[in-house]
Amino acid sequence: MEEHIREIALRLKGLREVLEISVAEIASVCGINDDEYQELESGEHDIPIGILHRICHNYNVELSAMLFGDEPRMSSYYLTRKGHGPSVERSQHYKYQSLAAGFANRKADPFIVTVEPNKEPVHLNAHAGQEFDMVLEGTLLISIGGKELTLEEGDSIYFDAARPHGMKALNEKPVRFLAIIL
């Protein structure tokens, strides 16, 4: 997990340097201060998906390129076999598996997200656009804008992703869900 975070941080710093973007400018895009942004580039802290999404959207970069380091190449279709999409552990408790990493110019980013049970409070995140989540296995607690909802297998939710939101696995079992970020 820590190696993935360092790799993403290196790609983030490389993007900023190649585009000749100041720390202040990119921190402003992220909605954080300069010091907080530099902590993300250090590779010592997890980079919230919402911040990556904002950067990618603002600078016209594919989210999968930032997460996985590969540029999408396919334009007619991209097939992901069960369990074989590129994946990254975003934190000790979240694992994202991309379902369309190789498709160029996507309008949405679909992932299978696995959330491991933990005792920590729900970590909130926000990003531009909208999000669709559908529980495939387990029971998911989702907090959106201060409201907590419990989703069971087969339940889905569509919401404004600019609202602070976060997920937590319930019943001491992992939860898997399909997340589509638009």
N, C-alpha and C. Protein backbone atom coordinates (compact mmCIF):
# COMPACT_ATOMS: atom_id res chain seq x y z
N MET A 1 0.82 -1.19 0.00
CA MET A 1 0.00 0.00 0.00
C MET A 1 0.87 1.26 0.00
N GLU A 2 1.84 1.35 0.89
CA GLU A 2 2.67 2.54 0.99
C GLU A 2 3.42 2.81 -0.30
N GLU A 3 3.85 1.76 -0.99
CA GLU A 3 4.56 1.94 -2.26
C GLU A 3 3.64 2.55 -3.30
N HIS A 4 2.38 2.12 -3.35
CA HIS A 4 1.41 2.69 -4.29
C HIS A 4 1.21 4.19 -4.02
N ILE A 5 1.14 4.55 -2.76
CA ILE A 5 0.96 5.96 -2.40
C ILE A 5 2.16 6.78 -2.86
N ARG A 6 3.36 6.26 -2.65
CA ARG A 6 4.57 6.96 -3.10
C ARG A 6 4.59 7.10 -4.62
N GLU A 7 4.16 6.06 -5.34
CA GLU A 7 4.14 6.12 -6.80
C GLU A 7 3.15 7.18 -7.29
N ILE A 8 1.99 7.24 -6.67
CA ILE A 8 0.99 8.26 -7.04
C ILE A 8 1.55 9.64 -6.74
N ALA A 9 2.20 9.80 -5.59
CA ALA A 9 2.78 11.09 -5.21
C ALA A 9 3.84 11.52 -6.23
N LEU A 10 4.65 10.58 -6.70
CA LEU A 10 5.66 10.90 -7.72
C LEU A 10 5.01 11.33 -9.03
N ARG A 11 3.93 10.66 -9.42
CA ARG A 11 3.22 11.05 -10.65
C ARG A 11 2.60 12.43 -10.48
N LEU A 12 2.08 12.70 -9.29
CA LEU A 12 1.47 13.99 -9.01
C LEU A 12 2.52 15.10 -9.10
N LYS A 13 3.67 14.88 -8.48
CA LYS A 13 4.74 15.87 -8.53
C LYS A 13 5.24 16.04 -9.96
N GLY A 14 5.37 14.92 -10.69
CA GLY A 14 5.81 14.99 -12.08
C GLY A 14 4.85 15.79 -12.94
N LEU A 15 3.55 15.59 -12.74
CA LEU A 15 2.54 16.34 -13.49
C LEU A 15 2.70 17.83 -13.21
N ARG A 16 2.84 18.19 -11.95
CA ARG A 16 2.98 19.60 -11.59
C ARG A 16 4.22 20.21 -12.22
N GLU A 17 5.32 19.46 -12.21
CA GLU A 17 6.56 19.99 -12.79
C GLU A 17 6.49 20.09 -14.30
N VAL A 18 5.94 19.08 -14.96
CA VAL A 18 5.84 19.10 -16.42
C VAL A 18 4.95 20.25 -16.90
N LEU A 19 3.85 20.48 -16.19
CA LEU A 19 2.92 21.55 -16.57
C LEU A 19 3.35 22.91 -16.01
N GLU A 20 4.46 22.92 -15.25
CA GLU A 20 5.00 24.13 -14.65
C GLU A 20 3.93 24.85 -13.81
N ILE A 21 3.30 24.06 -12.93
CA ILE A 21 2.26 24.57 -12.04
C ILE A 21 2.89 24.80 -10.68
N SER A 22 2.62 25.94 -10.09
CA SER A 22 3.16 26.21 -8.76
C SER A 22 2.41 25.39 -7.72
N VAL A 23 3.05 25.18 -6.59
CA VAL A 23 2.39 24.48 -5.48
C VAL A 23 1.14 25.25 -5.07
N ALA A 24 1.22 26.58 -5.04
CA ALA A 24 0.08 27.40 -4.63
C ALA A 24 -1.10 27.20 -5.59
N GLU A 25 -0.83 27.14 -6.89
CA GLU A 25 -1.92 26.98 -7.87
C GLU A 25 -2.61 25.63 -7.72
N ILE A 26 -1.81 24.56 -7.65
CA ILE A 26 -2.43 23.23 -7.58
C ILE A 26 -3.10 23.02 -6.22
N ALA A 27 -2.54 23.59 -5.16
CA ALA A 27 -3.18 23.51 -3.84
C ALA A 27 -4.53 24.21 -3.88
N SER A 28 -4.60 25.32 -4.57
CA SER A 28 -5.86 26.06 -4.71
C SER A 28 -6.90 25.22 -5.45
N VAL A 29 -6.48 24.53 -6.51
CA VAL A 29 -7.39 23.64 -7.26
C VAL A 29 -7.92 22.55 -6.33
N CYS A 30 -7.05 22.06 -5.43
CA CYS A 30 -7.42 20.99 -4.51
C CYS A 30 -8.26 21.48 -3.34
N GLY A 31 -8.26 22.78 -3.10
CA GLY A 31 -9.00 23.32 -1.97
C GLY A 31 -8.28 23.11 -0.64
N ILE A 32 -6.95 23.05 -0.69
CA ILE A 32 -6.15 22.87 0.52
C ILE A 32 -5.03 23.91 0.52
N ASN A 33 -4.30 24.04 1.64
CA ASN A 33 -3.20 25.00 1.67
C ASN A 33 -1.93 24.36 1.10
N ASP A 34 -0.93 25.18 0.87
CA ASP A 34 0.32 24.73 0.25
C ASP A 34 1.00 23.61 1.04
N ASP A 35 1.04 23.75 2.36
CA ASP A 35 1.70 22.74 3.20
C ASP A 35 0.99 21.39 3.10
N GLU A 36 -0.36 21.42 3.11
CA GLU A 36 -1.12 20.18 2.99
C GLU A 36 -0.85 19.52 1.64
N TYR A 37 -0.77 20.33 0.58
CA TYR A 37 -0.49 19.77 -0.74
C TYR A 37 0.91 19.14 -0.78
N GLN A 38 1.90 19.84 -0.23
CA GLN A 38 3.26 19.30 -0.24
C GLN A 38 3.36 18.00 0.55
N GLU A 39 2.53 17.84 1.59
CA GLU A 39 2.49 16.57 2.32
C GLU A 39 2.02 15.44 1.39
N LEU A 40 1.05 15.76 0.51
CA LEU A 40 0.56 14.74 -0.43
C LEU A 40 1.65 14.35 -1.41
N GLU A 41 2.41 15.32 -1.91
CA GLU A 41 3.50 15.02 -2.84
C GLU A 41 4.65 14.28 -2.17
N SER A 42 4.73 14.33 -0.86
CA SER A 42 5.83 13.66 -0.16
C SER A 42 5.70 12.14 -0.22
N GLY A 43 4.46 11.64 -0.44
CA GLY A 43 4.25 10.20 -0.48
C GLY A 43 4.10 9.58 0.89
N GLU A 44 4.07 10.41 1.92
CA GLU A 44 3.96 9.91 3.28
C GLU A 44 2.51 9.77 3.74
N HIS A 45 1.59 10.39 3.00
CA HIS A 45 0.18 10.38 3.38
C HIS A 45 -0.67 9.95 2.19
N ASP A 46 -1.77 9.27 2.47
CA ASP A 46 -2.69 8.88 1.42
C ASP A 46 -3.25 10.13 0.75
N ILE A 47 -3.46 10.04 -0.55
CA ILE A 47 -4.02 11.16 -1.31
C ILE A 47 -5.48 10.84 -1.58
N PRO A 48 -6.40 11.61 -1.02
CA PRO A 48 -7.82 11.33 -1.22
C PRO A 48 -8.19 11.29 -2.70
N ILE A 49 -9.05 10.35 -3.06
CA ILE A 49 -9.48 10.20 -4.45
C ILE A 49 -10.13 11.47 -4.95
N GLY A 50 -10.81 12.20 -4.07
CA GLY A 50 -11.44 13.46 -4.48
C GLY A 50 -10.43 14.49 -4.95
N ILE A 51 -9.31 14.57 -4.27
CA ILE A 51 -8.26 15.50 -4.67
C ILE A 51 -7.67 15.07 -6.01
N LEU A 52 -7.40 13.78 -6.17
CA LEU A 52 -6.88 13.30 -7.45
C LEU A 52 -7.88 13.58 -8.58
N HIS A 53 -9.15 13.37 -8.30
CA HIS A 53 -10.19 13.61 -9.30
C HIS A 53 -10.20 15.09 -9.70
N ARG A 54 -10.11 16.00 -8.73
CA ARG A 54 -10.09 17.44 -9.03
C ARG A 54 -8.90 17.80 -9.90
N ILE A 55 -7.72 17.28 -9.55
CA ILE A 55 -6.51 17.59 -10.31
C ILE A 55 -6.65 17.06 -11.74
N CYS A 56 -7.07 15.82 -11.86
CA CYS A 56 -7.20 15.21 -13.19
C CYS A 56 -8.23 15.95 -14.04
N HIS A 57 -9.35 16.31 -13.44
CA HIS A 57 -10.39 17.04 -14.17
C HIS A 57 -9.88 18.41 -14.59
N ASN A 58 -9.21 19.11 -13.69
CA ASN A 58 -8.75 20.47 -13.96
C ASN A 58 -7.64 20.52 -15.02
N TYR A 59 -6.75 19.51 -15.02
CA TYR A 59 -5.61 19.51 -15.93
C TYR A 59 -5.74 18.50 -17.07
N ASN A 60 -6.96 17.98 -17.26
CA ASN A 60 -7.27 17.07 -18.37
C ASN A 60 -6.34 15.85 -18.42
N VAL A 61 -6.26 15.15 -17.29
CA VAL A 61 -5.45 13.95 -17.15
C VAL A 61 -6.39 12.81 -16.76
N GLU A 62 -6.18 11.63 -17.31
CA GLU A 62 -6.99 10.48 -16.95
C GLU A 62 -6.70 10.06 -15.51
N LEU A 63 -7.74 9.85 -14.73
CA LEU A 63 -7.58 9.43 -13.34
C LEU A 63 -6.80 8.12 -13.25
N SER A 64 -7.06 7.21 -14.17
CA SER A 64 -6.33 5.92 -14.13
C SER A 64 -4.84 6.12 -14.39
N ALA A 65 -4.47 7.12 -15.18
CA ALA A 65 -3.04 7.39 -15.41
C ALA A 65 -2.39 7.83 -14.11
N MET A 66 -3.09 8.63 -13.33
CA MET A 66 -2.55 9.09 -12.05
C MET A 66 -2.49 7.94 -11.05
N LEU A 67 -3.53 7.10 -11.02
CA LEU A 67 -3.59 6.00 -10.06
C LEU A 67 -2.64 4.86 -10.41
N PHE A 68 -2.58 4.50 -11.69
CA PHE A 68 -1.87 3.28 -12.09
C PHE A 68 -0.62 3.51 -12.93
N GLY A 69 -0.42 4.73 -13.44
CA GLY A 69 0.78 5.03 -14.20
C GLY A 69 0.74 4.65 -15.66
N ASP A 70 -0.37 4.14 -16.14
CA ASP A 70 -0.50 3.76 -17.55
C ASP A 70 -1.49 4.67 -18.24
N GLU A 71 -1.14 5.09 -19.44
CA GLU A 71 -2.05 5.90 -20.23
C GLU A 71 -3.04 4.98 -20.94
N PRO A 72 -4.33 5.33 -20.91
CA PRO A 72 -5.33 4.54 -21.64
C PRO A 72 -5.06 4.61 -23.14
N ARG A 73 -5.34 3.50 -23.84
CA ARG A 73 -5.07 3.44 -25.28
C ARG A 73 -6.28 3.03 -26.10
N MET A 74 -7.23 2.38 -25.51
CA MET A 74 -8.36 1.83 -26.26
C MET A 74 -9.42 2.90 -26.48
N SER A 75 -10.06 2.85 -27.65
CA SER A 75 -11.11 3.83 -27.93
C SER A 75 -12.42 3.20 -28.38
N SER A 76 -12.41 1.91 -28.70
CA SER A 76 -13.67 1.27 -29.09
C SER A 76 -14.27 0.48 -27.93
N TYR A 77 -13.45 -0.27 -27.20
CA TYR A 77 -13.90 -0.95 -25.98
C TYR A 77 -12.69 -1.37 -25.17
N TYR A 78 -12.93 -1.65 -23.91
CA TYR A 78 -11.88 -2.14 -23.02
C TYR A 78 -12.50 -3.20 -22.12
N LEU A 79 -12.00 -4.40 -22.18
CA LEU A 79 -12.54 -5.53 -21.44
C LEU A 79 -11.72 -5.75 -20.16
N THR A 80 -12.42 -5.88 -19.05
CA THR A 80 -11.78 -6.22 -17.78
C THR A 80 -12.38 -7.52 -17.30
N ARG A 81 -11.55 -8.56 -17.23
CA ARG A 81 -12.01 -9.85 -16.71
C ARG A 81 -12.09 -9.80 -15.18
N LYS A 82 -12.97 -10.61 -14.65
CA LYS A 82 -13.20 -10.66 -13.21
C LYS A 82 -11.87 -10.77 -12.45
N GLY A 83 -11.66 -9.82 -11.55
CA GLY A 83 -10.47 -9.84 -10.70
C GLY A 83 -9.19 -9.41 -11.36
N HIS A 84 -9.23 -8.91 -12.61
CA HIS A 84 -7.99 -8.61 -13.33
C HIS A 84 -7.78 -7.15 -13.67
N GLY A 85 -8.64 -6.24 -13.22
CA GLY A 85 -8.39 -4.83 -13.47
C GLY A 85 -7.25 -4.34 -12.61
N PRO A 86 -6.51 -3.32 -13.08
CA PRO A 86 -5.43 -2.79 -12.24
C PRO A 86 -6.01 -2.28 -10.93
N SER A 87 -5.30 -2.52 -9.85
CA SER A 87 -5.83 -2.10 -8.56
C SER A 87 -4.77 -1.38 -7.74
N VAL A 88 -5.27 -0.62 -6.80
CA VAL A 88 -4.39 0.10 -5.89
C VAL A 88 -5.10 0.17 -4.54
N GLU A 89 -4.32 -0.03 -3.49
CA GLU A 89 -4.86 0.14 -2.14
C GLU A 89 -4.67 1.60 -1.79
N ARG A 90 -5.78 2.32 -1.66
CA ARG A 90 -5.74 3.75 -1.40
C ARG A 90 -5.41 4.03 0.06
N SER A 91 -5.71 3.12 0.91
CA SER A 91 -5.36 3.23 2.33
C SER A 91 -5.40 1.82 2.87
N GLN A 92 -5.18 1.69 4.14
CA GLN A 92 -5.21 0.37 4.77
C GLN A 92 -6.59 -0.27 4.64
N HIS A 93 -7.62 0.55 4.48
CA HIS A 93 -8.99 0.05 4.50
C HIS A 93 -9.69 0.05 3.15
N TYR A 94 -9.13 0.72 2.13
CA TYR A 94 -9.78 0.83 0.82
C TYR A 94 -8.89 0.26 -0.28
N LYS A 95 -9.48 -0.55 -1.15
CA LYS A 95 -8.77 -1.04 -2.33
C LYS A 95 -9.66 -0.73 -3.54
N TYR A 96 -9.08 -0.09 -4.55
CA TYR A 96 -9.80 0.26 -5.77
C TYR A 96 -9.30 -0.60 -6.92
N GLN A 97 -10.21 -1.22 -7.65
CA GLN A 97 -9.86 -1.97 -8.86
C GLN A 97 -10.55 -1.27 -10.02
N SER A 98 -9.76 -0.76 -10.95
CA SER A 98 -10.31 -0.05 -12.09
C SER A 98 -10.94 -1.02 -13.08
N LEU A 99 -12.07 -0.65 -13.61
CA LEU A 99 -12.76 -1.49 -14.59
C LEU A 99 -12.65 -0.94 -16.01
N ALA A 100 -12.03 0.24 -16.16
CA ALA A 100 -11.93 0.84 -17.50
C ALA A 100 -10.61 1.60 -17.68
N ALA A 101 -9.57 1.20 -16.99
CA ALA A 101 -8.30 1.92 -17.00
C ALA A 101 -7.72 2.09 -18.40
N GLY A 102 -7.94 1.15 -19.29
CA GLY A 102 -7.34 1.22 -20.61
C GLY A 102 -8.16 1.95 -21.65
N PHE A 103 -9.33 2.47 -21.28
CA PHE A 103 -10.20 3.16 -22.24
C PHE A 103 -9.91 4.66 -22.18
N ALA A 104 -9.53 5.23 -23.32
CA ALA A 104 -9.17 6.65 -23.39
C ALA A 104 -10.41 7.53 -23.41
N ASN A 105 -10.28 8.71 -22.86
CA ASN A 105 -11.32 9.74 -22.87
C ASN A 105 -12.64 9.28 -22.26
N ARG A 106 -12.54 8.57 -21.14
CA ARG A 106 -13.74 8.10 -20.45
C ARG A 106 -14.59 9.26 -19.96
N LYS A 107 -15.88 9.05 -19.93
CA LYS A 107 -16.81 10.01 -19.34
C LYS A 107 -17.08 9.68 -17.88
N ALA A 108 -16.70 8.47 -17.46
CA ALA A 108 -16.89 8.01 -16.09
C ALA A 108 -15.74 7.09 -15.70
N ASP A 109 -15.51 6.95 -14.41
CA ASP A 109 -14.48 6.05 -13.89
C ASP A 109 -15.13 4.99 -13.02
N PRO A 110 -15.29 3.76 -13.55
CA PRO A 110 -15.88 2.68 -12.75
C PRO A 110 -14.81 1.89 -12.00
N PHE A 111 -15.11 1.57 -10.75
CA PHE A 111 -14.20 0.82 -9.89
C PHE A 111 -14.98 -0.22 -9.11
N ILE A 112 -14.32 -1.32 -8.75
CA ILE A 112 -14.79 -2.19 -7.69
C ILE A 112 -13.99 -1.77 -6.47
N VAL A 113 -14.68 -1.36 -5.43
CA VAL A 113 -14.03 -0.89 -4.22
C VAL A 113 -14.26 -1.91 -3.12
N THR A 114 -13.20 -2.28 -2.44
CA THR A 114 -13.29 -3.16 -1.28
C THR A 114 -12.92 -2.35 -0.05
N VAL A 115 -13.81 -2.36 0.92
CA VAL A 115 -13.57 -1.64 2.18
C VAL A 115 -13.45 -2.69 3.28
N GLU A 116 -12.33 -2.68 3.96
CA GLU A 116 -12.10 -3.60 5.06
C GLU A 116 -12.70 -3.03 6.34
N PRO A 117 -13.20 -3.89 7.22
CA PRO A 117 -13.76 -3.39 8.49
C PRO A 117 -12.67 -2.76 9.35
N ASN A 118 -13.05 -1.72 10.09
CA ASN A 118 -12.12 -1.08 11.00
C ASN A 118 -12.91 -0.32 12.05
N LYS A 119 -12.24 0.08 13.09
CA LYS A 119 -12.89 0.76 14.22
C LYS A 119 -12.83 2.28 14.08
N GLU A 120 -12.16 2.78 13.07
CA GLU A 120 -12.00 4.22 12.91
C GLU A 120 -13.29 4.87 12.42
N PRO A 121 -13.45 6.17 12.70
CA PRO A 121 -14.64 6.87 12.18
C PRO A 121 -14.59 6.96 10.65
N VAL A 122 -15.71 7.22 10.03
CA VAL A 122 -15.79 7.36 8.58
C VAL A 122 -14.93 8.54 8.15
N HIS A 123 -14.02 8.31 7.20
CA HIS A 123 -13.20 9.38 6.64
C HIS A 123 -13.95 10.01 5.48
N LEU A 124 -14.20 11.32 5.54
CA LEU A 124 -14.98 11.99 4.51
C LEU A 124 -14.09 12.52 3.40
N ASN A 125 -14.65 12.56 2.21
CA ASN A 125 -13.97 12.98 1.00
C ASN A 125 -15.02 13.72 0.17
N ALA A 126 -14.60 14.55 -0.75
CA ALA A 126 -15.51 15.21 -1.68
C ALA A 126 -14.78 15.45 -2.98
N HIS A 127 -15.49 15.41 -4.08
CA HIS A 127 -14.89 15.69 -5.39
C HIS A 127 -15.97 16.18 -6.33
N ALA A 128 -15.54 16.77 -7.41
CA ALA A 128 -16.49 17.28 -8.40
C ALA A 128 -17.26 16.14 -9.02
N GLY A 129 -18.43 16.44 -9.53
CA GLY A 129 -19.21 15.47 -10.28
C GLY A 129 -20.21 14.71 -9.43
N GLN A 130 -20.55 13.54 -9.92
CA GLN A 130 -21.54 12.70 -9.27
C GLN A 130 -20.94 11.31 -9.08
N GLU A 131 -21.59 10.52 -8.22
CA GLU A 131 -21.09 9.17 -7.96
C GLU A 131 -22.27 8.22 -7.82
N PHE A 132 -22.08 7.02 -8.35
CA PHE A 132 -23.04 5.93 -8.22
C PHE A 132 -22.33 4.80 -7.52
N ASP A 133 -22.93 4.25 -6.46
CA ASP A 133 -22.37 3.10 -5.74
C ASP A 133 -23.44 2.03 -5.61
N MET A 134 -23.04 0.77 -5.87
CA MET A 134 -23.95 -0.36 -5.71
C MET A 134 -23.23 -1.45 -4.94
N VAL A 135 -23.82 -1.88 -3.83
CA VAL A 135 -23.20 -2.88 -2.97
C VAL A 135 -23.31 -4.26 -3.63
N LEU A 136 -22.15 -4.93 -3.78
CA LEU A 136 -22.09 -6.27 -4.35
C LEU A 136 -22.05 -7.34 -3.27
N GLU A 137 -21.32 -7.05 -2.18
CA GLU A 137 -21.19 -7.99 -1.06
C GLU A 137 -21.06 -7.19 0.23
N GLY A 138 -21.71 -7.66 1.28
CA GLY A 138 -21.55 -7.05 2.59
C GLY A 138 -22.57 -5.96 2.86
N THR A 139 -22.30 -5.23 3.95
CA THR A 139 -23.16 -4.13 4.38
C THR A 139 -22.30 -2.89 4.50
N LEU A 140 -22.74 -1.81 3.86
CA LEU A 140 -21.98 -0.58 3.76
C LEU A 140 -22.69 0.55 4.49
N LEU A 141 -21.95 1.23 5.35
CA LEU A 141 -22.44 2.47 5.94
C LEU A 141 -21.87 3.59 5.08
N ILE A 142 -22.74 4.44 4.56
CA ILE A 142 -22.28 5.58 3.77
C ILE A 142 -22.78 6.85 4.42
N SER A 143 -21.89 7.79 4.57
CA SER A 143 -22.23 9.09 5.12
C SER A 143 -22.14 10.10 3.99
N ILE A 144 -23.22 10.84 3.75
CA ILE A 144 -23.26 11.85 2.70
C ILE A 144 -23.82 13.13 3.30
N GLY A 145 -23.01 14.16 3.32
CA GLY A 145 -23.47 15.44 3.83
C GLY A 145 -24.03 15.38 5.23
N GLY A 146 -23.47 14.52 6.08
CA GLY A 146 -23.91 14.42 7.46
C GLY A 146 -25.02 13.41 7.71
N LYS A 147 -25.57 12.83 6.66
CA LYS A 147 -26.63 11.81 6.81
C LYS A 147 -25.99 10.44 6.62
N GLU A 148 -26.28 9.50 7.52
CA GLU A 148 -25.74 8.15 7.41
C GLU A 148 -26.83 7.20 6.93
N LEU A 149 -26.46 6.39 5.94
CA LEU A 149 -27.38 5.41 5.35
C LEU A 149 -26.69 4.05 5.36
N THR A 150 -27.47 3.00 5.53
CA THR A 150 -26.95 1.64 5.48
C THR A 150 -27.43 0.99 4.19
N LEU A 151 -26.48 0.47 3.41
CA LEU A 151 -26.81 -0.20 2.16
C LEU A 151 -26.46 -1.67 2.28
N GLU A 152 -27.38 -2.51 1.87
CA GLU A 152 -27.18 -3.96 1.87
C GLU A 152 -26.87 -4.40 0.44
N GLU A 153 -26.49 -5.65 0.29
CA GLU A 153 -26.20 -6.22 -1.03
C GLU A 153 -27.36 -5.93 -1.99
N GLY A 154 -27.03 -5.38 -3.16
CA GLY A 154 -28.03 -5.05 -4.17
C GLY A 154 -28.54 -3.63 -4.09
N ASP A 155 -28.34 -2.95 -2.95
CA ASP A 155 -28.76 -1.55 -2.81
C ASP A 155 -27.79 -0.65 -3.58
N SER A 156 -28.31 0.48 -4.05
CA SER A 156 -27.45 1.43 -4.75
C SER A 156 -27.83 2.85 -4.35
N ILE A 157 -26.91 3.75 -4.61
CA ILE A 157 -27.13 5.16 -4.31
C ILE A 157 -26.42 6.00 -5.36
N TYR A 158 -27.03 7.10 -5.73
CA TYR A 158 -26.48 8.05 -6.68
C TYR A 158 -26.49 9.41 -5.98
N PHE A 159 -25.36 10.14 -5.99
CA PHE A 159 -25.33 11.37 -5.21
C PHE A 159 -24.36 12.40 -5.79
N ASP A 160 -24.53 13.62 -5.32
CA ASP A 160 -23.66 14.73 -5.67
C ASP A 160 -22.35 14.53 -4.90
N ALA A 161 -21.27 14.23 -5.61
CA ALA A 161 -20.00 13.88 -4.97
C ALA A 161 -19.29 15.09 -4.37
N ALA A 162 -19.80 16.30 -4.62
CA ALA A 162 -19.22 17.48 -3.98
C ALA A 162 -19.60 17.54 -2.50
N ARG A 163 -20.63 16.76 -2.11
CA ARG A 163 -21.00 16.70 -0.69
C ARG A 163 -19.99 15.79 0.02
N PRO A 164 -19.54 16.16 1.20
CA PRO A 164 -18.61 15.28 1.93
C PRO A 164 -19.23 13.90 2.12
N HIS A 165 -18.48 12.86 1.74
CA HIS A 165 -19.00 11.50 1.84
C HIS A 165 -17.88 10.53 2.20
N GLY A 166 -18.28 9.42 2.79
CA GLY A 166 -17.33 8.38 3.16
C GLY A 166 -18.06 7.08 3.41
N MET A 167 -17.31 5.98 3.38
CA MET A 167 -17.89 4.65 3.51
C MET A 167 -17.20 3.87 4.62
N LYS A 168 -17.94 2.90 5.16
CA LYS A 168 -17.40 2.03 6.21
C LYS A 168 -18.07 0.67 6.10
N ALA A 169 -17.27 -0.38 6.22
CA ALA A 169 -17.80 -1.75 6.23
C ALA A 169 -18.41 -2.03 7.60
N LEU A 170 -19.58 -2.64 7.59
CA LEU A 170 -20.26 -2.98 8.84
C LEU A 170 -20.20 -4.48 9.10
N ASN A 171 -20.60 -4.88 10.29
CA ASN A 171 -20.70 -6.29 10.71
C ASN A 171 -19.36 -7.02 10.71
N GLU A 172 -18.26 -6.26 10.85
CA GLU A 172 -16.91 -6.82 10.92
C GLU A 172 -16.57 -7.70 9.72
N LYS A 173 -17.14 -7.38 8.56
CA LYS A 173 -16.85 -8.11 7.31
C LYS A 173 -16.54 -7.10 6.22
N PRO A 174 -15.65 -7.47 5.28
CA PRO A 174 -15.38 -6.55 4.16
C PRO A 174 -16.63 -6.32 3.32
N VAL A 175 -16.67 -5.19 2.68
CA VAL A 175 -17.76 -4.89 1.75
C VAL A 175 -17.15 -4.57 0.39
N ARG A 176 -17.80 -5.06 -0.66
CA ARG A 176 -17.38 -4.76 -2.04
C ARG A 176 -18.53 -4.03 -2.72
N PHE A 177 -18.19 -2.94 -3.43
CA PHE A 177 -19.21 -2.23 -4.14
C PHE A 177 -18.68 -1.69 -5.46
N LEU A 178 -19.59 -1.53 -6.41
CA LEU A 178 -19.28 -0.91 -7.69
C LEU A 178 -19.43 0.58 -7.49
N ALA A 179 -18.38 1.34 -7.80
CA ALA A 179 -18.42 2.81 -7.71
C ALA A 179 -18.16 3.36 -9.10
N ILE A 180 -19.03 4.24 -9.53
CA ILE A 180 -18.84 4.92 -10.82
C ILE A 180 -18.78 6.41 -10.52
N ILE A 181 -17.63 7.00 -10.83
CA ILE A 181 -17.44 8.42 -10.61
C ILE A 181 -17.61 9.13 -11.93
N LEU A 182 -18.56 10.06 -11.97
CA LEU A 182 -18.88 10.79 -13.20
C LEU A 182 -18.43 12.23 -13.09
